[in-house]
Protein backbone atom coordinates (compact mmCIF):
# COMPACT_ATOMS: atom_id res chain seq x y z
CA MET A 1 85.84 84.29 124.83
CA SER A 2 85.21 87.98 125.12
CA ILE A 3 87.25 90.99 126.09
CA ALA A 4 85.81 94.07 127.74
CA LEU A 5 87.57 97.39 127.41
CA ASP A 6 86.81 100.55 129.30
CA LEU A 7 87.68 103.28 126.78
CA PRO A 8 87.23 107.02 127.15
CA GLU A 9 84.35 108.43 125.11
CA GLU A 10 86.77 110.70 123.21
CA LEU A 11 88.79 107.71 122.01
CA ILE A 12 85.65 105.89 120.90
CA ASP A 13 84.62 108.97 118.88
CA VAL A 14 88.04 109.20 117.22
CA LEU A 15 87.98 105.48 116.37
CA ALA A 16 84.45 105.75 114.96
CA GLN A 17 85.46 108.69 112.77
CA ARG A 18 88.53 106.85 111.49
CA VAL A 19 86.58 103.68 110.69
CA SER A 20 83.91 105.73 108.94
CA ALA A 21 86.53 107.52 106.83
CA LEU A 22 88.13 104.22 105.84
CA VAL A 23 84.81 102.64 104.92
CA GLU A 24 83.64 105.67 102.96
CA GLY A 25 86.91 105.82 101.06
CA THR A 26 86.52 102.25 99.88
CA SER A 27 82.80 102.22 99.28
CA ALA A 28 82.74 105.58 97.48
CA ARG A 29 85.29 104.43 94.91
CA GLN A 30 83.62 103.24 91.72
CA TRP A 31 86.60 102.31 89.51
CA PHE A 32 89.73 100.30 90.36
CA ASP A 33 92.95 99.61 88.50
CA VAL A 34 94.70 96.25 88.89
CA TYR A 35 96.51 97.28 92.08
CA GLU A 36 93.42 98.79 93.70
CA ALA A 37 91.31 95.79 92.67
CA ALA A 38 93.89 93.48 94.24
CA SER A 39 93.80 95.44 97.48
CA TYR A 40 89.99 95.55 97.45
CA LEU A 41 89.78 91.76 96.97
CA CYS A 42 92.68 91.04 99.35
CA THR A 43 94.83 89.42 96.69
CA THR A 44 97.75 90.32 94.43
CA PRO A 45 97.86 92.18 91.11
CA ASP A 46 99.22 89.00 89.48
CA ALA A 47 96.22 87.06 90.78
CA ILE A 48 93.87 89.70 89.30
CA ARG A 49 95.62 89.43 85.92
CA ALA A 50 95.39 85.63 86.09
CA MET A 51 91.65 85.79 86.84
CA VAL A 52 91.19 88.06 83.79
CA LYS A 53 93.23 85.68 81.61
CA ARG A 54 91.11 82.70 82.77
CA GLY A 55 87.90 84.64 82.14
CA GLN A 56 86.95 84.63 85.84
CA LEU A 57 86.98 88.42 86.15
CA GLU A 58 85.96 90.79 83.38
CA PRO A 59 87.53 94.26 83.28
CA THR A 60 85.36 97.14 82.13
CA ARG A 61 88.24 98.48 80.08
CA ARG A 62 91.33 96.65 78.86
CA LYS A 63 93.47 99.29 77.16
CA PRO A 64 95.75 100.88 78.02
CA HIS A 65 95.27 99.27 81.43
CA TYR A 66 92.65 97.08 83.04
CA LEU A 67 89.90 98.98 84.82
CA PHE A 68 87.29 97.29 87.01
CA SER A 69 83.99 98.60 88.35
CA ARG A 70 83.24 98.14 92.04
CA GLU A 71 80.04 96.35 90.98
CA THR A 72 82.08 93.77 89.04
CA LEU A 73 84.49 93.22 91.93
CA ASP A 74 81.63 92.89 94.43
CA ALA A 75 79.86 90.38 92.17
CA TRP A 76 83.06 88.34 91.86
CA ALA A 77 83.57 88.41 95.65
CA ARG A 78 80.00 87.19 96.23
CA SER A 79 80.46 84.31 93.79
CA ALA A 80 83.88 83.22 95.08
């Protein structure tokens, strides 16, 4: 099944700019707190904390709050 849309060039440009901004915002970020990590991995902060407690996800820093590198989150996502 496919859908064909006839969109004005201006709308396509606006959509492309918006998508690019969203992608750059996520991919440029290097460090994530629990809430950001949960959003990045499409889960909940409680699930992130549970993964840390079970040793499935290793934070870069634990105190005063968990901090995760994008590299760590990407590696976890690839292994899941």
